[in-house]
């Protein structure tokens, strides 16, 4: 191998290393809301969304979400988890930008939702 070829090989290897490490989420900063807390928050929000569509009154069609109830539920959920709406929205943006973390987040919630649906 000539010296020039060796330099070229090292430059290509270094470039590939930089490219692959920049795409790796291990170096990404931590989520604004940790996964475990976000899972609990999303579970409560999911329950609130379902419950708001079950609220029966003369002002809302059956099966539609009651926006007034949802607003109150969200306020209570955020207060309970000590999170602001802005923090929650920033966390959702972060998780959407990190699909592996989002998958892990959702996969952690699904067994709980399935247990709740089955009544166990």
PDB file of N, CA and C in Angstrom:
ATOM      1  N   UNK A   1       0.833  -1.172   0.000  1.00  0.00           N
ATOM      2  CA  UNK A   1       0.000   0.000   0.000  1.00  0.00           C
ATOM      3  C   UNK A   1       0.886   1.246   0.000  1.00  0.00           C
ATOM      4  N   UNK A   2       0.616   2.149  -0.889  1.00  0.00           N
ATOM      5  CA  UNK A   2       1.405   3.374  -0.931  1.00  0.00           C
ATOM      6  C   UNK A   2       0.954   4.326   0.159  1.00  0.00           C
ATOM      7  N   UNK A   3       1.814   5.271   0.490  1.00  0.00           N
ATOM      8  CA  UNK A   3       1.508   6.244   1.530  1.00  0.00           C
ATOM      9  C   UNK A   3       0.268   7.060   1.165  1.00  0.00           C
ATOM     10  N   UNK A   4       0.160   7.431  -0.110  1.00  0.00           N
ATOM     11  CA  UNK A   4      -0.969   8.237  -0.568  1.00  0.00           C
ATOM     12  C   UNK A   4      -2.278   7.439  -0.441  1.00  0.00           C
ATOM     13  N   UNK A   5      -2.254   6.171  -0.818  1.00  0.00           N
ATOM     14  CA  UNK A   5      -3.429   5.324  -0.690  1.00  0.00           C
ATOM     15  C   UNK A   5      -3.798   5.160   0.781  1.00  0.00           C
ATOM     16  N   UNK A   6      -2.810   5.000   1.627  1.00  0.00           N
ATOM     17  CA  UNK A   6      -3.047   4.870   3.064  1.00  0.00           C
ATOM     18  C   UNK A   6      -3.730   6.124   3.619  1.00  0.00           C
ATOM     19  N   UNK A   7      -3.275   7.303   3.226  1.00  0.00           N
ATOM     20  CA  UNK A   7      -3.900   8.553   3.664  1.00  0.00           C
ATOM     21  C   UNK A   7      -5.351   8.622   3.184  1.00  0.00           C
ATOM     22  N   UNK A   8      -5.596   8.232   1.956  1.00  0.00           N
ATOM     23  CA  UNK A   8      -6.940   8.232   1.399  1.00  0.00           C
ATOM     24  C   UNK A   8      -7.836   7.283   2.194  1.00  0.00           C
ATOM     25  N   UNK A   9      -7.327   6.090   2.477  1.00  0.00           N
ATOM     26  CA  UNK A   9      -8.087   5.102   3.246  1.00  0.00           C
ATOM     27  C   UNK A   9      -8.425   5.632   4.635  1.00  0.00           C
ATOM     28  N   UNK A  10      -7.466   6.254   5.314  1.00  0.00           N
ATOM     29  CA  UNK A  10      -7.690   6.810   6.651  1.00  0.00           C
ATOM     30  C   UNK A  10      -8.725   7.926   6.593  1.00  0.00           C
ATOM     31  N   UNK A  11      -8.654   8.781   5.579  1.00  0.00           N
ATOM     32  CA  UNK A  11      -9.613   9.880   5.431  1.00  0.00           C
ATOM     33  C   UNK A  11     -11.030   9.339   5.222  1.00  0.00           C
ATOM     34  N   UNK A  12     -11.181   8.316   4.380  1.00  0.00           N
ATOM     35  CA  UNK A  12     -12.496   7.709   4.137  1.00  0.00           C
ATOM     36  C   UNK A  12     -13.017   7.068   5.424  1.00  0.00           C
ATOM     37  N   UNK A  13     -12.168   6.324   6.112  1.00  0.00           N
ATOM     38  CA  UNK A  13     -12.583   5.670   7.359  1.00  0.00           C
ATOM     39  C   UNK A  13     -13.012   6.695   8.399  1.00  0.00           C
ATOM     40  N   UNK A  14     -12.254   7.774   8.522  1.00  0.00           N
ATOM     41  CA  UNK A  14     -12.595   8.822   9.488  1.00  0.00           C
ATOM     42  C   UNK A  14     -13.920   9.480   9.125  1.00  0.00           C
ATOM     43  N   UNK A  15     -14.142   9.714   7.842  1.00  0.00           N
ATOM     44  CA  UNK A  15     -15.400  10.321   7.390  1.00  0.00           C
ATOM     45  C   UNK A  15     -16.582   9.415   7.708  1.00  0.00           C
ATOM     46  N   UNK A  16     -16.421   8.121   7.413  1.00  0.00           N
ATOM     47  CA  UNK A  16     -17.497   7.176   7.706  1.00  0.00           C
ATOM     48  C   UNK A  16     -17.775   7.102   9.209  1.00  0.00           C
ATOM     49  N   UNK A  17     -16.752   7.134  10.003  1.00  0.00           N
ATOM     50  CA  UNK A  17     -16.916   7.100  11.450  1.00  0.00           C
ATOM     51  C   UNK A  17     -17.688   8.320  11.940  1.00  0.00           C
ATOM     52  N   UNK A  18     -17.350   9.489  11.421  1.00  0.00           N
ATOM     53  CA  UNK A  18     -18.057  10.717  11.802  1.00  0.00           C
ATOM     54  C   UNK A  18     -19.513  10.682  11.374  1.00  0.00           C
ATOM     55  N   UNK A  19     -19.759  10.197  10.171  1.00  0.00           N
ATOM     56  CA  UNK A  19     -21.132  10.143   9.664  1.00  0.00           C
ATOM     57  C   UNK A  19     -21.970   9.189  10.492  1.00  0.00           C
ATOM     58  N   UNK A  20     -21.461   7.992  10.758  1.00  0.00           N
ATOM     59  CA  UNK A  20     -22.250   7.022  11.513  1.00  0.00           C
ATOM     60  C   UNK A  20     -22.431   7.438  12.963  1.00  0.00           C
ATOM     61  N   UNK A  21     -21.447   8.084  13.563  1.00  0.00           N
ATOM     62  CA  UNK A  21     -21.613   8.500  14.952  1.00  0.00           C
ATOM     63  C   UNK A  21     -22.564   9.675  15.068  1.00  0.00           C
ATOM     64  N   UNK A  22     -22.663  10.520  14.046  1.00  0.00           N
ATOM     65  CA  UNK A  22     -23.590  11.645  14.112  1.00  0.00           C
ATOM     66  C   UNK A  22     -25.026  11.173  13.949  1.00  0.00           C
ATOM     67  N   UNK A  23     -25.249  10.022  13.353  1.00  0.00           N
ATOM     68  CA  UNK A  23     -26.594   9.485  13.186  1.00  0.00           C
ATOM     69  C   UNK A  23     -27.021   8.647  14.378  1.00  0.00           C
ATOM     70  N   UNK A  24     -26.133   8.387  15.271  1.00  0.00           N
ATOM     71  CA  UNK A  24     -26.412   7.542  16.415  1.00  0.00           C
ATOM     72  C   UNK A  24     -27.077   8.350  17.516  1.00  0.00           C
ATOM     73  N   UNK A  25     -28.210   7.872  18.013  1.00  0.00           N
ATOM     74  CA  UNK A  25     -28.949   8.593  19.051  1.00  0.00           C
ATOM     75  C   UNK A  25     -28.326   8.470  20.426  1.00  0.00           C
ATOM     76  N   UNK A  26     -27.288   7.647  20.577  1.00  0.00           N
ATOM     77  CA  UNK A  26     -26.665   7.516  21.883  1.00  0.00           C
ATOM     78  C   UNK A  26     -26.084   8.840  22.341  1.00  0.00           C
ATOM     79  N   UNK A  27     -25.665   9.661  21.393  1.00  0.00           N
ATOM     80  CA  UNK A  27     -25.091  10.948  21.730  1.00  0.00           C
ATOM     81  C   UNK A  27     -26.143  12.030  21.912  1.00  0.00           C
ATOM     82  N   UNK A  28     -27.400  11.723  21.621  1.00  0.00           N
ATOM     83  CA  UNK A  28     -28.463  12.719  21.753  1.00  0.00           C
ATOM     84  C   UNK A  28     -28.671  13.054  23.223  1.00  0.00           C
ATOM     85  N   UNK A  29     -29.046  14.292  23.450  1.00  0.00           N
ATOM     86  CA  UNK A  29     -29.302  14.689  24.831  1.00  0.00           C
ATOM     87  C   UNK A  29     -30.520  13.947  25.358  1.00  0.00           C
ATOM     88  N   UNK A  30     -30.643  13.919  26.650  1.00  0.00           N
ATOM     89  CA  UNK A  30     -31.756  13.220  27.268  1.00  0.00           C
ATOM     90  C   UNK A  30     -33.084  13.868  26.898  1.00  0.00           C
ATOM     91  N   UNK A  31     -34.119  13.065  26.916  1.00  0.00           N
ATOM     92  CA  UNK A  31     -35.462  13.559  26.614  1.00  0.00           C
ATOM     93  C   UNK A  31     -35.879  14.588  27.665  1.00  0.00           C
ATOM     94  N   UNK A  32     -36.678  15.572  27.267  1.00  0.00           N
ATOM     95  CA  UNK A  32     -37.155  16.572  28.228  1.00  0.00           C
ATOM     96  C   UNK A  32     -37.940  15.952  29.393  1.00  0.00           C
ATOM     97  N   UNK A  33     -38.652  14.868  29.094  1.00  0.00           N
ATOM     98  CA  UNK A  33     -39.354  14.108  30.127  1.00  0.00           C
ATOM     99  C   UNK A  33     -38.862  12.669  30.010  1.00  0.00           C
ATOM    100  N   UNK A  34     -38.314  12.097  31.084  1.00  0.00           N
ATOM    101  CA  UNK A  34     -37.805  10.723  31.016  1.00  0.00           C
ATOM    102  C   UNK A  34     -38.884   9.726  30.577  1.00  0.00           C
ATOM    103  N   UNK A  35     -38.447   8.653  29.935  1.00  0.00           N
ATOM    104  CA  UNK A  35     -39.357   7.669  29.348  1.00  0.00           C
ATOM    105  C   UNK A  35     -40.397   7.146  30.338  1.00  0.00           C
ATOM    106  N   UNK A  36     -39.978   6.765  31.537  1.00  0.00           N
ATOM    107  CA  UNK A  36     -40.917   6.184  32.501  1.00  0.00           C
ATOM    108  C   UNK A  36     -42.013   7.176  32.876  1.00  0.00           C
ATOM    109  N   UNK A  37     -41.616   8.420  33.096  1.00  0.00           N
ATOM    110  CA  UNK A  37     -42.590   9.454  33.453  1.00  0.00           C
ATOM    111  C   UNK A  37     -43.505   9.745  32.262  1.00  0.00           C
ATOM    112  N   UNK A  38     -42.925   9.771  31.073  1.00  0.00           N
ATOM    113  CA  UNK A  38     -43.704  10.040  29.863  1.00  0.00           C
ATOM    114  C   UNK A  38     -44.704   8.919  29.613  1.00  0.00           C
ATOM    115  N   UNK A  39     -44.327   7.687  29.908  1.00  0.00           N
ATOM    116  CA  UNK A  39     -45.245   6.567  29.737  1.00  0.00           C
ATOM    117  C   UNK A  39     -46.453   6.732  30.648  1.00  0.00           C
ATOM    118  N   UNK A  40     -46.223   7.082  31.894  1.00  0.00           N
ATOM    119  CA  UNK A  40     -47.331   7.285  32.839  1.00  0.00           C
ATOM    120  C   UNK A  40     -48.219   8.434  32.398  1.00  0.00           C
ATOM    121  N   UNK A  41     -47.601   9.485  31.926  1.00  0.00           N
ATOM    122  CA  UNK A  41     -48.330  10.661  31.458  1.00  0.00           C
ATOM    123  C   UNK A  41     -49.200  10.299  30.254  1.00  0.00           C
ATOM    124  N   UNK A  42     -48.617   9.610  29.274  1.00  0.00           N
ATOM    125  CA  UNK A  42     -49.365   9.232  28.073  1.00  0.00           C
ATOM    126  C   UNK A  42     -50.478   8.238  28.384  1.00  0.00           C
ATOM    127  N   UNK A  43     -50.246   7.376  29.347  1.00  0.00           N
ATOM    128  CA  UNK A  43     -51.287   6.439  29.753  1.00  0.00           C
ATOM    129  C   UNK A  43     -52.469   7.195  30.346  1.00  0.00           C
ATOM    130  N   UNK A  44     -52.201   8.147  31.225  1.00  0.00           N
ATOM    131  CA  UNK A  44     -53.274   8.951  31.812  1.00  0.00           C
ATOM    132  C   UNK A  44     -53.999   9.764  30.747  1.00  0.00           C
ATOM    133  N   UNK A  45     -53.252  10.305  29.787  1.00  0.00           N
ATOM    134  CA  UNK A  45     -53.872  11.079  28.707  1.00  0.00           C
ATOM    135  C   UNK A  45     -54.746  10.171  27.848  1.00  0.00           C
ATOM    136  N   UNK A  46     -54.279   8.962  27.584  1.00  0.00           N
ATOM    137  CA  UNK A  46     -55.059   8.011  26.798  1.00  0.00           C
ATOM    138  C   UNK A  46     -56.376   7.696  27.504  1.00  0.00           C
ATOM    139  N   UNK A  47     -56.305   7.462  28.797  1.00  0.00           N
ATOM    140  CA  UNK A  47     -57.508   7.169  29.576  1.00  0.00           C
ATOM    141  C   UNK A  47     -58.461   8.365  29.537  1.00  0.00           C
ATOM    142  N   UNK A  48     -57.919   9.582  29.681  1.00  0.00           N
ATOM    143  CA  UNK A  48     -58.742  10.793  29.643  1.00  0.00           C
ATOM    144  C   UNK A  48     -59.423  10.946  28.280  1.00  0.00           C
ATOM    145  N   UNK A  49     -58.683  10.667  27.212  1.00  0.00           N
ATOM    146  CA  UNK A  49     -59.257  10.778  25.864  1.00  0.00           C
ATOM    147  C   UNK A  49     -60.425   9.810  25.692  1.00  0.00           C
ATOM    148  N   UNK A  50     -60.247   8.588  26.137  1.00  0.00           N
ATOM    149  CA  UNK A  50     -61.314   7.592  26.028  1.00  0.00           C
ATOM    150  C   UNK A  50     -62.496   8.001  26.899  1.00  0.00           C
ATOM    151  N   UNK A  51     -62.212   8.393  28.131  1.00  0.00           N
ATOM    152  CA  UNK A  51     -63.278   8.760  29.059  1.00  0.00           C
ATOM    153  C   UNK A  51     -64.065   9.966  28.548  1.00  0.00           C
ATOM    154  N   UNK A  52     -63.387  10.929  27.948  1.00  0.00           N
ATOM    155  CA  UNK A  52     -64.078  12.123  27.459  1.00  0.00           C
ATOM    156  C   UNK A  52     -65.053  11.793  26.328  1.00  0.00           C
ATOM    157  N   UNK A  53     -64.788  10.725  25.599  1.00  0.00           N
ATOM    158  CA  UNK A  53     -65.716  10.336  24.537  1.00  0.00           C
ATOM    159  C   UNK A  53     -66.877   9.505  25.082  1.00  0.00           C
ATOM    160  N   UNK A  54     -66.763   9.079  26.335  1.00  0.00           N
ATOM    161  CA  UNK A  54     -67.834   8.294  26.957  1.00  0.00           C
ATOM    162  C   UNK A  54     -68.778   9.165  27.779  1.00  0.00           C
ATOM    163  N   UNK A  55     -68.404  10.418  28.003  1.00  0.00           N
ATOM    164  CA  UNK A  55     -69.222  11.317  28.791  1.00  0.00           C
ATOM    165  C   UNK A  55     -70.552  11.537  28.085  1.00  0.00           C
ATOM    166  N   UNK A  56     -71.618  11.287  28.802  1.00  0.00           N
ATOM    167  CA  UNK A  56     -72.945  11.415  28.200  1.00  0.00           C
ATOM    168  C   UNK A  56     -73.631  12.673  28.732  1.00  0.00           C
ATOM    169  N   UNK A  57     -73.925  13.565  27.822  1.00  0.00           N
ATOM    170  CA  UNK A  57     -74.729  14.729  28.153  1.00  0.00           C
ATOM    171  C   UNK A  57     -75.467  15.159  26.892  1.00  0.00           C
ATOM    172  N   UNK A  58     -76.340  16.121  27.021  1.00  0.00           N
ATOM    173  CA  UNK A  58     -77.167  16.515  25.889  1.00  0.00           C
ATOM    174  C   UNK A  58     -76.428  17.408  24.894  1.00  0.00           C
ATOM    175  N   UNK A  59     -75.263  17.913  25.263  1.00  0.00           N
ATOM    176  CA  UNK A  59     -74.532  18.829  24.392  1.00  0.00           C
ATOM    177  C   UNK A  59     -73.591  18.128  23.418  1.00  0.00           C
ATOM    178  N   UNK A  60     -73.261  16.872  23.674  1.00  0.00           N
ATOM    179  CA  UNK A  60     -72.289  16.167  22.842  1.00  0.00           C
ATOM    180  C   UNK A  60     -72.877  14.873  22.296  1.00  0.00           C
ATOM    181  N   UNK A  61     -72.558  14.602  21.045  1.00  0.00           N
ATOM    182  CA  UNK A  61     -72.996  13.348  20.433  1.00  0.00           C
ATOM    183  C   UNK A  61     -72.240  12.195  21.075  1.00  0.00           C
ATOM    184  N   UNK A  62     -72.882  11.045  21.222  1.00  0.00           N
ATOM    185  CA  UNK A  62     -72.178   9.879  21.766  1.00  0.00           C
ATOM    186  C   UNK A  62     -70.964   9.534  20.907  1.00  0.00           C
ATOM    187  N   UNK A  63     -69.855   9.233  21.559  1.00  0.00           N
ATOM    188  CA  UNK A  63     -68.637   8.850  20.861  1.00  0.00           C
ATOM    189  C   UNK A  63     -67.737  10.004  20.472  1.00  0.00           C
ATOM    190  N   UNK A  64     -68.201  11.246  20.640  1.00  0.00           N
ATOM    191  CA  UNK A  64     -67.339  12.396  20.351  1.00  0.00           C
ATOM    192  C   UNK A  64     -66.674  12.844  21.646  1.00  0.00           C
ATOM    193  N   UNK A  65     -65.533  13.443  21.507  1.00  0.00           N
ATOM    194  CA  UNK A  65     -64.788  13.893  22.688  1.00  0.00           C
ATOM    195  C   UNK A  65     -65.389  15.181  23.226  1.00  0.00           C
ATOM    196  N   UNK A  66     -65.496  15.243  24.525  1.00  0.00           N
ATOM    197  CA  UNK A  66     -65.981  16.434  25.196  1.00  0.00           C
ATOM    198  C   UNK A  66     -64.768  17.326  25.476  1.00  0.00           C
ATOM    199  N   UNK A  67     -64.633  18.384  24.690  1.00  0.00           N
ATOM    200  CA  UNK A  67     -63.450  19.254  24.789  1.00  0.00           C
ATOM    201  C   UNK A  67     -63.335  19.907  26.163  1.00  0.00           C
ATOM    202  N   UNK A  68     -64.463  20.259  26.758  1.00  0.00           N
ATOM    203  CA  UNK A  68     -64.428  20.880  28.082  1.00  0.00           C
ATOM    204  C   UNK A  68     -63.864  19.912  29.124  1.00  0.00           C
ATOM    205  N   UNK A  69     -64.335  18.681  29.075  1.00  0.00           N
ATOM    206  CA  UNK A  69     -63.834  17.666  30.003  1.00  0.00           C
ATOM    207  C   UNK A  69     -62.354  17.401  29.751  1.00  0.00           C
ATOM    208  N   UNK A  70     -61.987  17.310  28.479  1.00  0.00           N
ATOM    209  CA  UNK A  70     -60.590  17.041  28.143  1.00  0.00           C
ATOM    210  C   UNK A  70     -59.665  18.132  28.657  1.00  0.00           C
ATOM    211  N   UNK A  71     -60.075  19.373  28.541  1.00  0.00           N
ATOM    212  CA  UNK A  71     -59.259  20.480  29.032  1.00  0.00           C
ATOM    213  C   UNK A  71     -59.032  20.341  30.532  1.00  0.00           C
ATOM    214  N   UNK A  72     -60.088  20.020  31.258  1.00  0.00           N
ATOM    215  CA  UNK A  72     -59.975  19.830  32.710  1.00  0.00           C
ATOM    216  C   UNK A  72     -59.104  18.610  33.026  1.00  0.00           C
ATOM    217  N   UNK A  73     -59.292  17.529  32.274  1.00  0.00           N
ATOM    218  CA  UNK A  73     -58.496  16.319  32.503  1.00  0.00           C
ATOM    219  C   UNK A  73     -57.008  16.600  32.271  1.00  0.00           C
ATOM    220  N   UNK A  74     -56.700  17.260  31.151  1.00  0.00           N
ATOM    221  CA  UNK A  74     -55.303  17.563  30.837  1.00  0.00           C
ATOM    222  C   UNK A  74     -54.681  18.424  31.935  1.00  0.00           C
ATOM    223  N   UNK A  75     -55.411  19.415  32.396  1.00  0.00           N
ATOM    224  CA  UNK A  75     -54.908  20.287  33.460  1.00  0.00           C
ATOM    225  C   UNK A  75     -54.590  19.467  34.707  1.00  0.00           C
ATOM    226  N   UNK A  76     -55.496  18.580  35.076  1.00  0.00           N
ATOM    227  CA  UNK A  76     -55.279  17.727  36.253  1.00  0.00           C
ATOM    228  C   UNK A  76     -54.120  16.756  36.047  1.00  0.00           C
ATOM    229  N   UNK A  77     -54.024  16.179  34.862  1.00  0.00           N
ATOM    230  CA  UNK A  77     -52.951  15.214  34.571  1.00  0.00           C
ATOM    231  C   UNK A  77     -51.588  15.898  34.629  1.00  0.00           C
ATOM    232  N   UNK A  78     -51.480  17.058  34.000  1.00  0.00           N
ATOM    233  CA  UNK A  78     -50.204  17.778  34.019  1.00  0.00           C
ATOM    234  C   UNK A  78     -49.833  18.180  35.443  1.00  0.00           C
ATOM    235  N   UNK A  79     -50.808  18.620  36.219  1.00  0.00           N
ATOM    236  CA  UNK A  79     -50.537  18.997  37.616  1.00  0.00           C
ATOM    237  C   UNK A  79     -50.102  17.774  38.421  1.00  0.00           C
ATOM    238  N   UNK A  80     -50.789  16.658  38.223  1.00  0.00           N
ATOM    239  CA  UNK A  80     -50.451  15.429  38.953  1.00  0.00           C
ATOM    240  C   UNK A  80     -49.018  14.976  38.662  1.00  0.00           C
ATOM    241  N   UNK A  81     -48.616  15.083  37.408  1.00  0.00           N
ATOM    242  CA  UNK A  81     -47.275  14.646  37.004  1.00  0.00           C
ATOM    243  C   UNK A  81     -46.240  15.766  37.101  1.00  0.00           C
ATOM    244  N   UNK A  82     -46.670  16.912  37.558  1.00  0.00           N
ATOM    245  CA  UNK A  82     -45.800  18.083  37.719  1.00  0.00           C
ATOM    246  C   UNK A  82     -45.071  18.432  36.419  1.00  0.00           C
ATOM    247  N   UNK A  83     -45.873  18.552  35.350  1.00  0.00           N
ATOM    248  CA  UNK A  83     -45.380  18.871  34.013  1.00  0.00           C
ATOM    249  C   UNK A  83     -46.275  19.963  33.440  1.00  0.00           C
ATOM    250  N   UNK A  84     -45.690  20.913  32.743  1.00  0.00           N
ATOM    251  CA  UNK A  84     -46.503  21.919  32.059  1.00  0.00           C
ATOM    252  C   UNK A  84     -46.859  21.417  30.673  1.00  0.00           C
ATOM    253  N   UNK A  85     -47.869  22.031  30.081  1.00  0.00           N
ATOM    254  CA  UNK A  85     -48.266  21.661  28.718  1.00  0.00           C
ATOM    255  C   UNK A  85     -47.096  21.895  27.758  1.00  0.00           C
ATOM    256  N   UNK A  86     -46.370  22.988  27.958  1.00  0.00           N
ATOM    257  CA  UNK A  86     -45.222  23.303  27.105  1.00  0.00           C
ATOM    258  C   UNK A  86     -44.134  22.226  27.220  1.00  0.00           C
ATOM    259  N   UNK A  87     -43.853  21.778  28.440  1.00  0.00           N
ATOM    260  CA  UNK A  87     -42.860  20.707  28.636  1.00  0.00           C
ATOM    261  C   UNK A  87     -43.314  19.424  27.943  1.00  0.00           C
ATOM    262  N   UNK A  88     -44.600  19.124  28.061  1.00  0.00           N
ATOM    263  CA  UNK A  88     -45.144  17.929  27.419  1.00  0.00           C
ATOM    264  C   UNK A  88     -45.006  18.025  25.901  1.00  0.00           C
ATOM    265  N   UNK A  89     -45.359  19.173  25.343  1.00  0.00           N
ATOM    266  CA  UNK A  89     -45.274  19.342  23.896  1.00  0.00           C
ATOM    267  C   UNK A  89     -43.833  19.269  23.400  1.00  0.00           C
ATOM    268  N   UNK A  90     -42.890  19.847  24.161  1.00  0.00           N
ATOM    269  CA  UNK A  90     -41.469  19.754  23.785  1.00  0.00           C
ATOM    270  C   UNK A  90     -40.997  18.305  23.846  1.00  0.00           C
ATOM    271  N   UNK A  91     -41.469  17.574  24.841  1.00  0.00           N
ATOM    272  CA  UNK A  91     -41.090  16.160  24.957  1.00  0.00           C
ATOM    273  C   UNK A  91     -41.640  15.356  23.784  1.00  0.00           C
ATOM    274  N   UNK A  92     -42.873  15.642  23.377  1.00  0.00           N
ATOM    275  CA  UNK A  92     -43.447  14.924  22.241  1.00  0.00           C
ATOM    276  C   UNK A  92     -42.650  15.207  20.967  1.00  0.00           C
ATOM    277  N   UNK A  93     -42.231  16.446  20.781  1.00  0.00           N
ATOM    278  CA  UNK A  93     -41.399  16.792  19.616  1.00  0.00           C
ATOM    279  C   UNK A  93     -40.090  16.009  19.677  1.00  0.00           C
ATOM    280  N   UNK A  94     -39.489  15.937  20.867  1.00  0.00           N
ATOM    281  CA  UNK A  94     -38.229  15.215  21.030  1.00  0.00           C
ATOM    282  C   UNK A  94     -38.413  13.733  20.715  1.00  0.00           C
ATOM    283  N   UNK A  95     -39.473  13.114  21.274  1.00  0.00           N
ATOM    284  CA  UNK A  95     -39.694  11.690  21.035  1.00  0.00           C
ATOM    285  C   UNK A  95     -39.992  11.410  19.565  1.00  0.00           C
ATOM    286  N   UNK A  96     -40.715  12.306  18.897  1.00  0.00           N
ATOM    287  CA  UNK A  96     -40.977  12.123  17.468  1.00  0.00           C
ATOM    288  C   UNK A  96     -39.688  12.218  16.654  1.00  0.00           C
ATOM    289  N   UNK A  97     -38.748  13.020  17.126  1.00  0.00           N
ATOM    290  CA  UNK A  97     -37.460  13.155  16.438  1.00  0.00           C
ATOM    291  C   UNK A  97     -36.524  11.986  16.738  1.00  0.00           C
ATOM    292  N   UNK A  98     -36.864  11.156  17.719  1.00  0.00           N
ATOM    293  CA  UNK A  98     -36.060   9.990  18.100  1.00  0.00           C
ATOM    294  C   UNK A  98     -36.962   8.749  18.036  1.00  0.00           C
ATOM    295  N   UNK A  99     -37.194   8.216  16.824  1.00  0.00           N
ATOM    296  CA  UNK A  99     -38.144   7.118  16.639  1.00  0.00           C
ATOM    297  C   UNK A  99     -37.872   5.885  17.489  1.00  0.00           C
ATOM    298  N   UNK A 100     -36.615   5.552  17.731  1.00  0.00           N
ATOM    299  CA  UNK A 100     -36.318   4.378  18.561  1.00  0.00           C
ATOM    300  C   UNK A 100     -36.830   4.591  19.982  1.00  0.00           C
ATOM    301  N   UNK A 101     -36.632   5.789  20.501  1.00  0.00           N
ATOM    302  CA  UNK A 101     -37.128   6.103  21.842  1.00  0.00           C
ATOM    303  C   UNK A 101     -38.653   6.119  21.869  1.00  0.00           C
ATOM    304  N   UNK A 102     -39.273   6.644  20.800  1.00  0.00           N
ATOM    305  CA  UNK A 102     -40.739   6.666  20.717  1.00  0.00           C
ATOM    306  C   UNK A 102     -41.290   5.253  20.687  1.00  0.00           C
ATOM    307  N   UNK A 103     -40.650   4.372  19.906  1.00  0.00           N
ATOM    308  CA  UNK A 103     -41.083   2.972  19.861  1.00  0.00           C
ATOM    309  C   UNK A 103     -40.984   2.335  21.237  1.00  0.00           C
ATOM    310  N   UNK A 104     -39.894   2.582  21.914  1.00  0.00           N
ATOM    311  CA  UNK A 104     -39.706   2.034  23.248  1.00  0.00           C
ATOM    312  C   UNK A 104     -40.766   2.573  24.216  1.00  0.00           C
ATOM    313  N   UNK A 105     -41.070   3.834  24.074  1.00  0.00           N
ATOM    314  CA  UNK A 105     -42.088   4.475  24.906  1.00  0.00           C
ATOM    315  C   UNK A 105     -43.448   3.815  24.694  1.00  0.00           C
ATOM    316  N   UNK A 106     -43.841   3.697  23.446  1.00  0.00           N
ATOM    317  CA  UNK A 106     -45.141   3.119  23.115  1.00  0.00           C
ATOM    318  C   UNK A 106     -45.189   1.635  23.487  1.00  0.00           C
ATOM    319  N   UNK A 107     -44.117   0.899  23.205  1.00  0.00           N
ATOM    320  CA  UNK A 107     -44.084  -0.527  23.537  1.00  0.00           C
ATOM    321  C   UNK A 107     -44.197  -0.757  25.041  1.00  0.00           C
ATOM    322  N   UNK A 108     -43.744   0.189  25.843  1.00  0.00           N
ATOM    323  CA  UNK A 108     -43.875   0.066  27.289  1.00  0.00           C
ATOM    324  C   UNK A 108     -45.287   0.308  27.781  1.00  0.00           C
ATOM    325  N   UNK A 109     -46.059   1.069  27.019  1.00  0.00           N
ATOM    326  CA  UNK A 109     -47.434   1.388  27.406  1.00  0.00           C
ATOM    327  C   UNK A 109     -48.417   0.303  26.973  1.00  0.00           C
ATOM    328  N   UNK A 110     -48.169  -0.296  25.823  1.00  0.00           N
ATOM    329  CA  UNK A 110     -49.124  -1.232  25.231  1.00  0.00           C
ATOM    330  C   UNK A 110     -49.544  -2.384  26.148  1.00  0.00           C
ATOM    331  N   UNK A 111     -48.640  -3.040  26.862  1.00  0.00           N
ATOM    332  CA  UNK A 111     -49.095  -4.120  27.746  1.00  0.00           C
ATOM    333  C   UNK A 111     -50.066  -3.636  28.825  1.00  0.00           C
ATOM    334  N   UNK A 112     -49.848  -2.439  29.323  1.00  0.00           N
ATOM    335  CA  UNK A 112     -50.744  -1.879  30.349  1.00  0.00           C
ATOM    336  C   UNK A 112     -52.119  -1.616  29.747  1.00  0.00           C
ATOM    337  N   UNK A 113     -52.148  -1.030  28.560  1.00  0.00           N
ATOM    338  CA  UNK A 113     -53.415  -0.737  27.886  1.00  0.00           C
ATOM    339  C   UNK A 113     -54.158  -2.043  27.587  1.00  0.00           C
ATOM    340  N   UNK A 114     -53.438  -3.043  27.119  1.00  0.00           N
ATOM    341  CA  UNK A 114     -54.066  -4.335  26.811  1.00  0.00           C
ATOM    342  C   UNK A 114     -54.641  -4.991  28.059  1.00  0.00           C
ATOM    343  N   UNK A 115     -53.903  -4.900  29.180  1.00  0.00           N
ATOM    344  CA  UNK A 115     -54.434  -5.445  30.447  1.00  0.00           C
ATOM    345  C   UNK A 115     -55.706  -4.711  30.869  1.00  0.00           C
ATOM    346  N   UNK A 116     -55.701  -3.402  30.696  1.00  0.00           N
ATOM    347  CA  UNK A 116     -56.874  -2.612  31.071  1.00  0.00           C
ATOM    348  C   UNK A 116     -58.059  -2.960  30.190  1.00  0.00           C
ATOM    349  N   UNK A 117     -57.812  -3.158  28.906  1.00  0.00           N
ATOM    350  CA  UNK A 117     -58.901  -3.502  27.986  1.00  0.00           C
ATOM    351  C   UNK A 117     -59.472  -4.874  28.280  1.00  0.00           C
ATOM    352  N   UNK A 118     -58.623  -5.801  28.712  1.00  0.00           N
ATOM    353  CA  UNK A 118     -59.094  -7.152  29.002  1.00  0.00           C
ATOM    354  C   UNK A 118     -59.734  -7.260  30.379  1.00  0.00           C
ATOM    355  N   UNK A 119     -59.561  -6.208  31.205  1.00  0.00           N
ATOM    356  CA  UNK A 119     -60.171  -6.201  32.524  1.00  0.00           C
ATOM    357  C   UNK A 119     -59.378  -6.974  33.571  1.00  0.00           C
ATOM    358  N   UNK A 120     -58.129  -7.270  33.299  1.00  0.00           N
ATOM    359  CA  UNK A 120     -57.304  -8.036  34.256  1.00  0.00           C
ATOM    360  C   UNK A 120     -56.603  -7.109  35.197  1.00  0.00           C
TER     361      UNK A 120
END
